[in-house]
Amino acid sequence: MAYGIRGMSVVELCLEDIDWQRSTILIRARKGGKEVVL
């Protein structure tokens, strides 16, 4: 709901994709898109 990401992006989210120190989250590229850090 917060990021509008695909279900597969949720499935592929790994522990190291969450940077707790910088308060960011990496959303991996899907369907030819591009990854984004939010």
All heavy atoms as atom14 arrays in JSON, in Angstrom:
{
  "sequence": "MAYGIRGMSVVELCLEDIDWQRSTILIRARKGGKEVVL",
  "atom14_mask": [
    [1, 1, 1, 1, 1, 1, 1, 1, 0, 0, 0, 0, 0, 0],
    [1, 1, 1, 1, 1, 0, 0, 0, 0, 0, 0, 0, 0, 0],
    [1, 1, 1, 1, 1, 1, 1, 1, 1, 1, 1, 1, 0, 0],
    [1, 1, 1, 1, 0, 0, 0, 0, 0, 0, 0, 0, 0, 0],
    [1, 1, 1, 1, 1, 1, 1, 1, 0, 0, 0, 0, 0, 0],
    [1, 1, 1, 1, 1, 1, 1, 1, 1, 1, 1, 0, 0, 0],
    [1, 1, 1, 1, 0, 0, 0, 0, 0, 0, 0, 0, 0, 0],
    [1, 1, 1, 1, 1, 1, 1, 1, 0, 0, 0, 0, 0, 0],
    [1, 1, 1, 1, 1, 1, 0, 0, 0, 0, 0, 0, 0, 0],
    [1, 1, 1, 1, 1, 1, 1, 0, 0, 0, 0, 0, 0, 0],
    [1, 1, 1, 1, 1, 1, 1, 0, 0, 0, 0, 0, 0, 0],
    [1, 1, 1, 1, 1, 1, 1, 1, 1, 0, 0, 0, 0, 0],
    [1, 1, 1, 1, 1, 1, 1, 1, 0, 0, 0, 0, 0, 0],
    [1, 1, 1, 1, 1, 1, 0, 0, 0, 0, 0, 0, 0, 0],
    [1, 1, 1, 1, 1, 1, 1, 1, 0, 0, 0, 0, 0, 0],
    [1, 1, 1, 1, 1, 1, 1, 1, 1, 0, 0, 0, 0, 0],
    [1, 1, 1, 1, 1, 1, 1, 1, 0, 0, 0, 0, 0, 0],
    [1, 1, 1, 1, 1, 1, 1, 1, 0, 0, 0, 0, 0, 0],
    [1, 1, 1, 1, 1, 1, 1, 1, 0, 0, 0, 0, 0, 0],
    [1, 1, 1, 1, 1, 1, 1, 1, 1, 1, 1, 1, 1, 1],
    [1, 1, 1, 1, 1, 1, 1, 1, 1, 0, 0, 0, 0, 0],
    [1, 1, 1, 1, 1, 1, 1, 1, 1, 1, 1, 0, 0, 0],
    [1, 1, 1, 1, 1, 1, 0, 0, 0, 0, 0, 0, 0, 0],
    [1, 1, 1, 1, 1, 1, 1, 0, 0, 0, 0, 0, 0, 0],
    [1, 1, 1, 1, 1, 1, 1, 1, 0, 0, 0, 0, 0, 0],
    [1, 1, 1, 1, 1, 1, 1, 1, 0, 0, 0, 0, 0, 0],
    [1, 1, 1, 1, 1, 1, 1, 1, 0, 0, 0, 0, 0, 0],
    [1, 1, 1, 1, 1, 1, 1, 1, 1, 1, 1, 0, 0, 0],
    [1, 1, 1, 1, 1, 0, 0, 0, 0, 0, 0, 0, 0, 0],
    [1, 1, 1, 1, 1, 1, 1, 1, 1, 1, 1, 0, 0, 0],
    [1, 1, 1, 1, 1, 1, 1, 1, 1, 0, 0, 0, 0, 0],
    [1, 1, 1, 1, 0, 0, 0, 0, 0, 0, 0, 0, 0, 0],
    [1, 1, 1, 1, 0, 0, 0, 0, 0, 0, 0, 0, 0, 0],
    [1, 1, 1, 1, 1, 1, 1, 1, 1, 0, 0, 0, 0, 0],
    [1, 1, 1, 1, 1, 1, 1, 1, 1, 0, 0, 0, 0, 0],
    [1, 1, 1, 1, 1, 1, 1, 0, 0, 0, 0, 0, 0, 0],
    [1, 1, 1, 1, 1, 1, 1, 0, 0, 0, 0, 0, 0, 0],
    [1, 1, 1, 1, 1, 1, 1, 1, 0, 0, 0, 0, 0, 0]
  ],
  "atom14_positions": [
    [[0.82, -1.21, 0.0], [0.0, 0.0, 0.0], [0.86, 1.27, 0.0], [0.52, 2.25, -0.64], [-0.92, 0.0, 1.22], [-2.02, -1.01, 1.16], [-2.93, -1.03, 2.74], [-4.19, -2.24, 2.38], [0.0, 0.0, 0.0], [0.0, 0.0, 0.0], [0.0, 0.0, 0.0], [0.0, 0.0, 0.0], [0.0, 0.0, 0.0], [0.0, 0.0, 0.0]],
    [[1.96, 1.23, 0.72], [2.8, 2.42, 0.87], [3.62, 2.73, -0.37], [3.9, 3.9, -0.65], [3.74, 2.25, 2.07], [0.0, 0.0, 0.0], [0.0, 0.0, 0.0], [0.0, 0.0, 0.0], [0.0, 0.0, 0.0], [0.0, 0.0, 0.0], [0.0, 0.0, 0.0], [0.0, 0.0, 0.0], [0.0, 0.0, 0.0], [0.0, 0.0, 0.0]],
    [[4.01, 1.7, -1.13], [4.92, 1.92, -2.25], [4.35, 1.51, -3.61], [4.99, 1.74, -4.62], [6.23, 1.17, -2.02], [6.98, 1.63, -0.8], [7.02, 0.82, 0.34], [7.63, 2.86, -0.76], [7.71, 1.22, 1.47], [8.3, 3.27, 0.37], [8.35, 2.46, 1.48], [9.02, 2.86, 2.6], [0.0, 0.0, 0.0], [0.0, 0.0, 0.0]],
    [[3.2, 0.86, -3.63], [2.62, 0.45, -4.9], [3.44, -0.6, -5.62], [3.41, -0.68, -6.85], [0.0, 0.0, 0.0], [0.0, 0.0, 0.0], [0.0, 0.0, 0.0], [0.0, 0.0, 0.0], [0.0, 0.0, 0.0], [0.0, 0.0, 0.0], [0.0, 0.0, 0.0], [0.0, 0.0, 0.0], [0.0, 0.0, 0.0], [0.0, 0.0, 0.0]],
    [[4.17, -1.41, -4.88], [5.06, -2.39, -5.52], [4.31, -3.66, -5.89], [3.24, -3.94, -5.37], [6.28, -2.7, -4.63], [5.87, -3.37, -3.32], [7.11, -1.46, -4.4], [7.04, -3.83, -2.48], [0.0, 0.0, 0.0], [0.0, 0.0, 0.0], [0.0, 0.0, 0.0], [0.0, 0.0, 0.0], [0.0, 0.0, 0.0], [0.0, 0.0, 0.0]],
    [[4.89, -4.39, -6.82], [4.34, -5.66, -7.26], [4.48, -6.72, -6.16], [5.39, -6.66, -5.35], [5.09, -6.16, -8.49], [4.87, -5.35, -9.72], [5.67, -5.94, -10.89], [5.37, -5.22, -12.1], [6.02, -4.13, -12.5], [7.03, -3.68, -11.8], [5.67, -3.52, -13.61], [0.0, 0.0, 0.0], [0.0, 0.0, 0.0], [0.0, 0.0, 0.0]],
    [[3.61, -7.72, -6.24], [3.71, -8.84, -5.32], [5.06, -9.54, -5.42], [5.64, -9.96, -4.42], [0.0, 0.0, 0.0], [0.0, 0.0, 0.0], [0.0, 0.0, 0.0], [0.0, 0.0, 0.0], [0.0, 0.0, 0.0], [0.0, 0.0, 0.0], [0.0, 0.0, 0.0], [0.0, 0.0, 0.0], [0.0, 0.0, 0.0], [0.0, 0.0, 0.0]],
    [[5.59, -9.65, -6.64], [6.89, -10.3, -6.82], [8.01, -9.48, -6.2], [9.03, -10.04, -5.78], [7.17, -10.56, -8.29], [6.39, -11.74, -8.85], [6.56, -13.28, -7.88], [8.29, -13.64, -8.12], [0.0, 0.0, 0.0], [0.0, 0.0, 0.0], [0.0, 0.0, 0.0], [0.0, 0.0, 0.0], [0.0, 0.0, 0.0], [0.0, 0.0, 0.0]],
    [[7.84, -8.17, -6.12], [8.85, -7.34, -5.45], [8.84, -7.62, -3.95], [9.89, -7.58, -3.3], [8.61, -5.86, -5.72], [8.81, -5.58, -7.09], [0.0, 0.0, 0.0], [0.0, 0.0, 0.0], [0.0, 0.0, 0.0], [0.0, 0.0, 0.0], [0.0, 0.0, 0.0], [0.0, 0.0, 0.0], [0.0, 0.0, 0.0], [0.0, 0.0, 0.0]],
    [[7.68, -7.91, -3.41], [7.57, -8.29, -2.0], [8.26, -9.63, -1.79], [9.05, -9.81, -0.86], [6.1, -8.36, -1.55], [5.99, -8.94, -0.14], [5.44, -7.0, -1.62], [0.0, 0.0, 0.0], [0.0, 0.0, 0.0], [0.0, 0.0, 0.0], [0.0, 0.0, 0.0], [0.0, 0.0, 0.0], [0.0, 0.0, 0.0], [0.0, 0.0, 0.0]],
    [[7.99, -10.58, -2.69], [8.58, -11.92, -2.6], [10.1, -11.84, -2.64], [10.79, -12.54, -1.9], [8.05, -12.79, -3.78], [8.87, -14.05, -3.94], [6.58, -13.11, -3.58], [0.0, 0.0, 0.0], [0.0, 0.0, 0.0], [0.0, 0.0, 0.0], [0.0, 0.0, 0.0], [0.0, 0.0, 0.0], [0.0, 0.0, 0.0], [0.0, 0.0, 0.0]],
    [[10.65, -10.97, -3.49], [12.09, -10.89, -3.69], [12.81, -9.98, -2.69], [14.03, -9.9, -2.71], [12.39, -10.41, -5.11], [11.96, -11.42, -6.15], [12.08, -10.92, -7.57], [12.37, -9.72, -7.76], [11.88, -11.72, -8.49], [0.0, 0.0, 0.0], [0.0, 0.0, 0.0], [0.0, 0.0, 0.0], [0.0, 0.0, 0.0], [0.0, 0.0, 0.0]],
    [[12.07, -9.31, -1.83], [12.69, -8.43, -0.85], [13.55, -9.25, 0.11], [13.07, -10.2, 0.73], [11.62, -7.66, -0.07], [12.15, -6.62, 0.93], [12.81, -5.46, 0.19], [11.0, -6.11, 1.8], [0.0, 0.0, 0.0], [0.0, 0.0, 0.0], [0.0, 0.0, 0.0], [0.0, 0.0, 0.0], [0.0, 0.0, 0.0], [0.0, 0.0, 0.0]],
    [[14.82, -8.88, 0.2], [15.75, -9.61, 1.06], [16.12, -8.76, 2.27], [15.98, -7.52, 2.24], [17.02, -9.98, 0.29], [16.69, -11.23, -0.98], [0.0, 0.0, 0.0], [0.0, 0.0, 0.0], [0.0, 0.0, 0.0], [0.0, 0.0, 0.0], [0.0, 0.0, 0.0], [0.0, 0.0, 0.0], [0.0, 0.0, 0.0], [0.0, 0.0, 0.0]],
    [[16.59, -9.41, 3.29], [16.95, -8.71, 4.53], [17.93, -7.58, 4.27], [17.81, -6.5, 4.85], [17.51, -9.71, 5.54], [16.53, -10.77, 6.04], [17.27, -11.86, 6.81], [15.43, -10.14, 6.88], [0.0, 0.0, 0.0], [0.0, 0.0, 0.0], [0.0, 0.0, 0.0], [0.0, 0.0, 0.0], [0.0, 0.0, 0.0], [0.0, 0.0, 0.0]],
    [[18.9, -7.79, 3.37], [19.9, -6.76, 3.09], [19.37, -5.61, 2.24], [20.05, -4.6, 2.06], [21.16, -7.37, 2.46], [20.91, -8.18, 1.22], [20.59, -9.66, 1.52], [20.39, -10.04, 2.69], [20.53, -10.42, 0.54], [0.0, 0.0, 0.0], [0.0, 0.0, 0.0], [0.0, 0.0, 0.0], [0.0, 0.0, 0.0], [0.0, 0.0, 0.0]],
    [[18.14, -5.73, 1.72], [17.54, -4.64, 0.93], [17.0, -3.52, 1.83], [16.66, -2.44, 1.34], [16.39, -5.17, 0.06], [16.88, -6.12, -1.01], [18.08, -6.05, -1.38], [16.08, -6.95, -1.49], [0.0, 0.0, 0.0], [0.0, 0.0, 0.0], [0.0, 0.0, 0.0], [0.0, 0.0, 0.0], [0.0, 0.0, 0.0], [0.0, 0.0, 0.0]],
    [[16.92, -3.79, 3.1], [16.45, -2.77, 4.05], [17.68, -2.23, 4.76], [18.37, -2.95, 5.47], [15.45, -3.34, 5.06], [14.27, -3.98, 4.33], [14.98, -2.25, 6.03], [13.35, -4.8, 5.21], [0.0, 0.0, 0.0], [0.0, 0.0, 0.0], [0.0, 0.0, 0.0], [0.0, 0.0, 0.0], [0.0, 0.0, 0.0], [0.0, 0.0, 0.0]],
    [[17.94, -0.94, 4.54], [19.08, -0.28, 5.18], [18.54, 0.49, 6.38], [18.03, 1.61, 6.24], [19.79, 0.64, 4.19], [21.06, 1.25, 4.76], [21.2, 1.35, 6.0], [21.92, 1.65, 3.95], [0.0, 0.0, 0.0], [0.0, 0.0, 0.0], [0.0, 0.0, 0.0], [0.0, 0.0, 0.0], [0.0, 0.0, 0.0], [0.0, 0.0, 0.0]],
    [[18.62, -0.14, 7.54], [18.04, 0.45, 8.76], [18.79, 1.72, 9.16], [18.19, 2.64, 9.7], [18.05, -0.56, 9.89], [17.2, -1.77, 9.59], [17.63, -3.0, 9.19], [15.77, -1.84, 9.6], [16.56, -3.83, 8.98], [15.4, -3.14, 9.23], [14.77, -0.92, 9.9], [14.08, -3.57, 9.14], [13.44, -1.35, 9.83], [13.11, -2.64, 9.45]],
    [[20.09, 1.78, 8.91], [20.89, 2.95, 9.28], [20.48, 4.19, 8.48], [20.41, 5.3, 9.01], [22.38, 2.68, 9.06], [22.94, 1.54, 9.89], [22.83, 1.82, 11.38], [23.07, 2.93, 11.83], [22.45, 0.82, 12.14], [0.0, 0.0, 0.0], [0.0, 0.0, 0.0], [0.0, 0.0, 0.0], [0.0, 0.0, 0.0], [0.0, 0.0, 0.0]],
    [[20.21, 3.98, 7.19], [19.83, 5.11, 6.31], [18.32, 5.24, 6.15], [17.86, 6.13, 5.45], [20.48, 4.93, 4.95], [21.98, 5.1, 4.96], [22.54, 5.06, 3.54], [23.95, 5.3, 3.54], [24.89, 4.34, 3.63], [24.52, 3.07, 3.73], [26.16, 4.64, 3.61], [0.0, 0.0, 0.0], [0.0, 0.0, 0.0], [0.0, 0.0, 0.0]],
    [[17.58, 4.32, 6.74], [16.11, 4.29, 6.61], [15.68, 4.28, 5.15], [14.87, 5.09, 4.7], [15.47, 5.47, 7.33], [15.66, 5.35, 8.71], [0.0, 0.0, 0.0], [0.0, 0.0, 0.0], [0.0, 0.0, 0.0], [0.0, 0.0, 0.0], [0.0, 0.0, 0.0], [0.0, 0.0, 0.0], [0.0, 0.0, 0.0], [0.0, 0.0, 0.0]],
    [[16.25, 3.32, 4.39], [15.87, 3.16, 2.99], [15.52, 1.7, 2.71], [15.88, 0.8, 3.48], [17.02, 3.58, 2.03], [18.15, 2.75, 2.28], [17.36, 5.05, 2.18], [0.0, 0.0, 0.0], [0.0, 0.0, 0.0], [0.0, 0.0, 0.0], [0.0, 0.0, 0.0], [0.0, 0.0, 0.0], [0.0, 0.0, 0.0], [0.0, 0.0, 0.0]],
    [[14.83, 1.51, 1.6], [14.45, 0.17, 1.17], [14.71, 0.09, -0.33], [14.36, 1.0, -1.08], [12.98, -0.15, 1.54], [12.63, -1.59, 1.21], [12.02, 0.82, 0.9], [11.31, -2.06, 1.82], [0.0, 0.0, 0.0], [0.0, 0.0, 0.0], [0.0, 0.0, 0.0], [0.0, 0.0, 0.0], [0.0, 0.0, 0.0], [0.0, 0.0, 0.0]],
    [[15.35, -0.98, -0.76], [15.65, -1.22, -2.16], [14.55, -2.08, -2.75], [14.28, -3.18, -2.24], [17.0, -1.93, -2.31], [17.32, -2.45, -3.71], [17.62, -1.3, -4.66], [18.48, -3.43, -3.67], [0.0, 0.0, 0.0], [0.0, 0.0, 0.0], [0.0, 0.0, 0.0], [0.0, 0.0, 0.0], [0.0, 0.0, 0.0], [0.0, 0.0, 0.0]],
    [[13.92, -1.58, -3.8], [12.93, -2.36, -4.53], [13.59, -2.81, -5.82], [14.0, -1.98, -6.64], [11.65, -1.53, -4.83], [11.08, -0.89, -3.55], [10.61, -2.38, -5.55], [10.72, -1.86, -2.46], [0.0, 0.0, 0.0], [0.0, 0.0, 0.0], [0.0, 0.0, 0.0], [0.0, 0.0, 0.0], [0.0, 0.0, 0.0], [0.0, 0.0, 0.0]],
    [[13.73, -4.1, -5.99], [14.45, -4.66, -7.14], [13.64, -4.48, -8.42], [12.41, -4.44, -8.39], [14.75, -6.13, -6.91], [15.69, -6.34, -5.74], [15.84, -7.82, -5.42], [16.61, -7.98, -4.21], [17.93, -8.06, -4.17], [18.63, -7.98, -5.27], [18.54, -8.22, -3.01], [0.0, 0.0, 0.0], [0.0, 0.0, 0.0], [0.0, 0.0, 0.0]],
    [[14.37, -4.41, -9.54], [13.75, -4.23, -10.85], [12.89, -5.44, -11.21], [13.24, -6.58, -10.92], [14.83, -4.03, -11.9], [0.0, 0.0, 0.0], [0.0, 0.0, 0.0], [0.0, 0.0, 0.0], [0.0, 0.0, 0.0], [0.0, 0.0, 0.0], [0.0, 0.0, 0.0], [0.0, 0.0, 0.0], [0.0, 0.0, 0.0], [0.0, 0.0, 0.0]],
    [[11.75, -5.17, -11.83], [10.85, -6.21, -12.32], [10.38, -5.82, -13.7], [10.26, -4.63, -14.01], [9.61, -6.36, -11.42], [9.87, -6.8, -10.01], [10.24, -8.24, -9.83], [9.32, -9.11, -10.53], [9.66, -10.31, -10.99], [10.85, -10.77, -10.84], [8.78, -11.05, -11.62], [0.0, 0.0, 0.0], [0.0, 0.0, 0.0], [0.0, 0.0, 0.0]],
    [[10.09, -6.79, -14.53], [9.5, -6.57, -15.85], [10.26, -5.54, -16.67], [9.67, -4.64, -17.26], [8.03, -6.15, -15.72], [7.1, -7.25, -15.32], [5.68, -6.75, -15.42], [4.69, -7.86, -15.38], [3.33, -7.37, -15.57], [0.0, 0.0, 0.0], [0.0, 0.0, 0.0], [0.0, 0.0, 0.0], [0.0, 0.0, 0.0], [0.0, 0.0, 0.0]],
    [[11.55, -5.58, -16.65], [12.34, -4.64, -17.46], [12.4, -3.24, -16.88], [12.92, -2.32, -17.52], [0.0, 0.0, 0.0], [0.0, 0.0, 0.0], [0.0, 0.0, 0.0], [0.0, 0.0, 0.0], [0.0, 0.0, 0.0], [0.0, 0.0, 0.0], [0.0, 0.0, 0.0], [0.0, 0.0, 0.0], [0.0, 0.0, 0.0], [0.0, 0.0, 0.0]],
    [[11.89, -3.07, -15.68], [11.94, -1.75, -15.04], [13.32, -1.5, -14.45], [14.31, -2.1, -14.86], [0.0, 0.0, 0.0], [0.0, 0.0, 0.0], [0.0, 0.0, 0.0], [0.0, 0.0, 0.0], [0.0, 0.0, 0.0], [0.0, 0.0, 0.0], [0.0, 0.0, 0.0], [0.0, 0.0, 0.0], [0.0, 0.0, 0.0], [0.0, 0.0, 0.0]],
    [[13.37, -0.64, -13.48], [14.64, -0.35, -12.84], [14.47, -0.41, -11.33], [13.4, -0.14, -10.82], [15.16, 1.01, -13.28], [14.16, 2.13, -13.16], [14.67, 3.39, -13.82], [13.55, 4.4, -13.86], [13.88, 5.59, -14.57], [0.0, 0.0, 0.0], [0.0, 0.0, 0.0], [0.0, 0.0, 0.0], [0.0, 0.0, 0.0], [0.0, 0.0, 0.0]],
    [[15.56, -0.79, -10.66], [15.45, -0.83, -9.21], [15.47, 0.59, -8.67], [15.98, 1.51, -9.31], [16.54, -1.69, -8.59], [17.95, -1.25, -8.8], [18.93, -2.24, -8.18], [18.69, -3.46, -8.21], [19.96, -1.78, -7.7], [0.0, 0.0, 0.0], [0.0, 0.0, 0.0], [0.0, 0.0, 0.0], [0.0, 0.0, 0.0], [0.0, 0.0, 0.0]],
    [[14.86, 0.73, -7.52], [14.73, 2.05, -6.93], [14.95, 1.94, -5.42], [14.55, 0.96, -4.8], [13.34, 2.67, -7.27], [12.2, 1.85, -6.71], [13.24, 4.1, -6.84], [0.0, 0.0, 0.0], [0.0, 0.0, 0.0], [0.0, 0.0, 0.0], [0.0, 0.0, 0.0], [0.0, 0.0, 0.0], [0.0, 0.0, 0.0], [0.0, 0.0, 0.0]],
    [[15.63, 2.95, -4.87], [15.83, 3.03, -3.43], [14.89, 4.1, -2.91], [14.91, 5.24, -3.38], [17.3, 3.38, -3.08], [17.45, 3.55, -1.58], [18.23, 2.3, -3.61], [0.0, 0.0, 0.0], [0.0, 0.0, 0.0], [0.0, 0.0, 0.0], [0.0, 0.0, 0.0], [0.0, 0.0, 0.0], [0.0, 0.0, 0.0], [0.0, 0.0, 0.0]],
    [[14.06, 3.73, -1.94], [13.04, 4.64, -1.41], [13.25, 4.85, 0.08], [13.83, 3.99, 0.76], [11.65, 4.04, -1.65], [11.26, 3.81, -3.1], [10.01, 2.97, -3.19], [11.07, 5.14, -3.81], [0.0, 0.0, 0.0], [0.0, 0.0, 0.0], [0.0, 0.0, 0.0], [0.0, 0.0, 0.0], [0.0, 0.0, 0.0], [0.0, 0.0, 0.0]]
  ]
}
